[in-house]
N, C-alpha and C. Protein backbone atom coordinates (compact mmCIF):
# COMPACT_ATOMS: atom_id res chain seq x y z
N MET A 1 78.90 130.31 162.82
CA MET A 1 78.94 128.86 162.52
C MET A 1 80.00 128.71 161.30
N CYS A 2 80.65 127.47 161.33
CA CYS A 2 81.63 127.18 160.47
C CYS A 2 81.07 126.83 159.06
N THR A 3 81.95 127.42 158.12
CA THR A 3 81.32 127.50 156.71
C THR A 3 81.10 125.98 156.30
N ARG A 4 81.91 125.15 156.42
CA ARG A 4 81.58 123.75 155.99
C ARG A 4 80.28 123.09 156.81
N ILE A 5 80.05 123.49 157.95
CA ILE A 5 78.98 122.96 158.62
C ILE A 5 77.59 123.69 157.96
N ARG A 6 77.69 124.77 157.69
CA ARG A 6 76.68 125.70 157.12
C ARG A 6 76.37 124.88 155.72
N VAL A 7 77.41 124.60 154.85
CA VAL A 7 77.26 123.88 153.58
C VAL A 7 76.53 122.62 153.83
N GLU A 8 76.99 121.86 154.74
CA GLU A 8 76.47 120.49 154.96
C GLU A 8 74.98 120.57 155.48
N LEU A 9 74.67 121.57 156.36
CA LEU A 9 73.43 121.75 156.62
C LEU A 9 72.49 122.19 155.60
N ALA A 10 72.99 123.10 154.79
CA ALA A 10 72.17 123.63 153.73
C ALA A 10 71.95 122.35 152.75
N LEU A 11 72.77 121.51 152.44
CA LEU A 11 72.68 120.41 151.59
C LEU A 11 71.56 119.45 152.19
N GLU A 12 71.71 119.23 153.49
CA GLU A 12 70.77 118.28 154.01
C GLU A 12 69.29 118.83 154.09
N LEU A 13 69.24 120.14 154.26
CA LEU A 13 67.85 120.82 154.19
C LEU A 13 67.28 120.68 152.73
N TYR A 14 68.25 120.83 151.83
CA TYR A 14 67.68 120.88 150.41
C TYR A 14 67.23 119.43 149.93
N LYS A 15 67.99 118.43 150.38
CA LYS A 15 67.83 117.04 150.07
C LYS A 15 66.48 116.45 150.72
N THR A 16 66.25 116.93 151.87
CA THR A 16 64.94 116.65 152.59
C THR A 16 63.80 117.59 152.16
N ASN A 17 64.05 118.38 151.14
CA ASN A 17 62.88 119.41 150.78
C ASN A 17 62.32 120.32 151.94
N GLU A 18 63.27 120.65 153.03
CA GLU A 18 62.97 121.45 153.94
C GLU A 18 63.39 122.83 153.78
N ALA A 19 64.07 122.95 152.64
CA ALA A 19 64.45 124.40 152.23
C ALA A 19 64.63 124.54 150.66
N SER A 20 64.31 125.53 150.05
CA SER A 20 64.35 125.76 148.69
C SER A 20 65.75 125.87 148.19
N LEU A 21 66.01 125.79 146.95
CA LEU A 21 67.40 126.02 146.32
C LEU A 21 67.98 127.25 146.83
N GLU A 22 67.06 128.34 146.66
CA GLU A 22 67.53 129.70 146.96
C GLU A 22 67.94 129.79 148.48
N LYS A 23 67.07 129.37 149.18
CA LYS A 23 67.28 129.39 150.83
C LYS A 23 68.41 128.57 151.27
N SER A 24 68.67 127.45 150.62
CA SER A 24 69.74 126.53 150.96
C SER A 24 71.01 127.31 150.45
N ALA A 25 70.93 127.87 149.32
CA ALA A 25 72.21 128.53 148.93
C ALA A 25 72.69 129.66 149.81
N GLU A 26 71.63 130.47 150.20
CA GLU A 26 71.83 131.64 151.15
C GLU A 26 72.29 131.01 152.39
N LEU A 27 71.77 130.01 153.01
CA LEU A 27 72.25 129.42 154.36
C LEU A 27 73.78 128.99 154.06
N ALA A 28 74.07 128.37 152.97
CA ALA A 28 75.55 127.94 152.69
C ALA A 28 76.45 129.00 152.48
N GLY A 29 75.94 130.17 152.37
CA GLY A 29 76.79 131.37 151.89
C GLY A 29 77.27 131.42 150.36
N LEU A 30 76.46 130.76 149.56
CA LEU A 30 76.74 130.70 148.29
C LEU A 30 75.80 131.28 147.30
N THR A 31 76.11 131.51 146.07
CA THR A 31 75.18 132.03 145.18
C THR A 31 74.41 130.76 144.77
N THR A 32 73.25 130.93 144.12
CA THR A 32 72.34 129.89 143.75
C THR A 32 73.23 129.09 142.67
N GLY A 33 73.88 129.72 141.79
CA GLY A 33 74.80 129.02 140.70
C GLY A 33 75.81 128.06 141.26
N ALA A 34 76.56 128.65 142.40
CA ALA A 34 77.52 127.77 143.01
C ALA A 34 76.83 126.88 143.72
N PHE A 35 75.68 126.93 144.31
CA PHE A 35 75.01 125.87 145.19
C PHE A 35 74.65 124.75 144.11
N GLU A 36 74.12 125.25 143.00
CA GLU A 36 73.75 124.31 141.99
C GLU A 36 74.95 123.39 141.54
N LYS A 37 76.08 124.10 141.36
CA LYS A 37 77.12 123.28 140.93
C LYS A 37 77.74 122.34 142.08
N LEU A 38 77.56 122.85 143.31
CA LEU A 38 77.75 121.92 144.38
C LEU A 38 76.92 120.63 144.40
N LEU A 39 75.57 120.95 144.27
CA LEU A 39 74.65 119.74 144.19
C LEU A 39 75.04 118.77 143.08
N ALA A 40 75.57 119.33 141.73
CA ALA A 40 75.86 118.48 140.70
C ALA A 40 77.12 117.70 141.09
N ASP A 41 78.03 118.39 141.79
CA ASP A 41 79.46 117.85 142.14
C ASP A 41 79.06 116.52 143.20
N ARG A 42 78.19 116.77 144.08
CA ARG A 42 77.92 115.79 144.99
C ARG A 42 76.88 114.75 144.55
N GLY A 43 76.47 114.73 143.17
CA GLY A 43 75.51 113.91 142.73
C GLY A 43 74.08 114.09 143.20
N ILE A 44 73.90 115.18 143.60
CA ILE A 44 72.33 115.46 144.17
C ILE A 44 71.57 116.06 143.00
N LYS A 45 70.58 115.30 142.74
CA LYS A 45 69.71 115.75 141.62
C LYS A 45 68.77 116.92 142.14
N ARG A 46 68.57 117.84 141.30
CA ARG A 46 67.77 119.03 141.61
C ARG A 46 66.28 118.55 141.34
N GLU A 47 65.41 118.93 142.25
CA GLU A 47 64.06 118.64 142.14
C GLU A 47 63.30 120.00 141.92
N ILE A 48 62.40 120.01 141.02
CA ILE A 48 61.68 121.04 140.58
C ILE A 48 60.29 121.09 141.15
N GLU A 49 59.94 121.96 142.05
CA GLU A 49 58.67 122.01 142.71
C GLU A 49 57.40 122.19 141.71
N GLU A 50 56.40 121.43 142.13
CA GLU A 50 55.33 121.37 141.07
C GLU A 50 54.79 122.71 140.61
N ASP A 51 54.76 123.63 141.62
CA ASP A 51 54.30 124.99 141.26
C ASP A 51 55.17 125.71 140.35
N LYS A 52 56.61 125.29 140.42
CA LYS A 52 57.59 125.92 139.49
C LYS A 52 57.29 125.37 138.04
N ILE A 53 56.99 124.21 137.92
CA ILE A 53 56.79 123.35 136.53
C ILE A 53 55.69 124.36 135.87
N ALA A 54 54.62 124.66 136.44
CA ALA A 54 53.46 125.36 135.76
C ALA A 54 54.18 126.70 135.41
N GLU A 55 54.77 127.34 136.13
CA GLU A 55 55.51 128.64 135.90
C GLU A 55 56.44 128.55 134.70
N ILE A 56 57.34 127.45 134.71
CA ILE A 56 58.16 127.33 133.64
C ILE A 56 57.37 127.06 132.38
N ASP A 57 56.45 126.26 132.42
CA ASP A 57 55.66 125.90 131.20
C ASP A 57 55.01 127.16 130.75
N ASP A 58 54.54 128.06 131.54
CA ASP A 58 53.88 129.33 131.12
C ASP A 58 55.04 130.38 130.39
N THR A 59 56.16 130.26 131.02
CA THR A 59 57.22 131.35 130.41
C THR A 59 57.80 130.56 129.17
N VAL A 60 57.88 129.27 128.89
CA VAL A 60 58.24 128.68 127.77
C VAL A 60 57.16 129.12 126.70
N LYS A 61 55.87 128.94 127.02
CA LYS A 61 54.81 129.27 126.00
C LYS A 61 54.86 130.54 125.60
N GLU A 62 55.12 131.60 126.47
CA GLU A 62 55.16 132.98 126.28
C GLU A 62 56.32 133.37 125.32
N VAL A 63 57.58 132.89 125.70
CA VAL A 63 58.66 133.10 124.79
C VAL A 63 58.47 132.39 123.43
N PHE A 64 57.82 131.15 123.35
CA PHE A 64 57.64 130.58 122.12
C PHE A 64 56.64 131.58 121.19
N LEU A 65 55.71 131.93 121.75
CA LEU A 65 54.63 132.69 121.14
C LEU A 65 55.32 134.08 120.58
N LYS A 66 56.19 134.77 121.46
CA LYS A 66 56.79 136.01 121.03
C LYS A 66 57.93 135.69 119.82
N VAL A 67 58.50 134.51 119.90
CA VAL A 67 59.39 134.21 118.79
C VAL A 67 58.65 133.95 117.56
N MET A 68 57.63 133.22 117.68
CA MET A 68 56.70 132.99 116.42
C MET A 68 56.16 134.32 115.84
N LEU A 69 55.82 135.17 116.70
CA LEU A 69 55.20 136.43 116.24
C LEU A 69 56.20 137.17 115.61
N SER A 70 57.38 137.24 116.20
CA SER A 70 58.66 138.04 115.58
C SER A 70 59.04 137.42 114.26
N VAL A 71 58.89 136.11 114.12
CA VAL A 71 59.35 135.51 112.82
C VAL A 71 58.20 135.84 111.88
N SER A 72 57.10 135.72 112.27
CA SER A 72 55.84 136.04 111.33
C SER A 72 55.98 137.61 110.82
N VAL A 73 56.19 138.46 111.80
CA VAL A 73 56.30 139.98 111.44
C VAL A 73 57.57 140.08 110.49
N PHE A 74 58.67 139.53 110.69
CA PHE A 74 59.75 139.61 109.91
C PHE A 74 59.47 139.05 108.45
N GLN A 75 58.75 137.90 108.31
CA GLN A 75 58.50 137.31 107.12
C GLN A 75 57.40 138.14 106.34
N ASP A 76 56.49 138.82 107.04
CA ASP A 76 55.57 139.83 106.51
C ASP A 76 56.25 140.94 105.84
N ARG A 77 57.06 141.57 106.50
CA ARG A 77 58.01 142.75 106.13
C ARG A 77 58.83 142.31 104.91
N LYS A 78 59.36 141.25 105.00
CA LYS A 78 60.22 140.74 103.92
C LYS A 78 59.45 140.55 102.62
N PHE A 79 58.24 139.73 102.71
CA PHE A 79 57.31 139.59 101.64
C PHE A 79 56.80 140.98 101.02
N ASN A 80 56.45 141.86 101.87
CA ASN A 80 55.93 143.06 101.36
C ASN A 80 56.95 144.01 100.74
N ARG A 81 58.14 143.78 100.87
CA ARG A 81 59.24 144.70 100.32
C ARG A 81 59.46 144.10 98.85
N ARG A 82 59.04 143.01 98.35
CA ARG A 82 59.27 142.43 96.99
C ARG A 82 58.41 143.19 96.10
């Protein structure tokens, strides 16, 4: 199949929510990053699936807690050295 046709098909499948970002990129023969850039270049907004939002929220909370814990441990060590 012609590369241009594959790309256009992948874009259409993505826009109609019939394929995920990853699957659309694969179909287009592009990396996910390159497909994201193509979407931006075409003015196509990325949609984040609802199940991904919860996953992203959990990751943000986890990272935030790790950072806060690291800062707390660092401050405790710094305080105890005085």
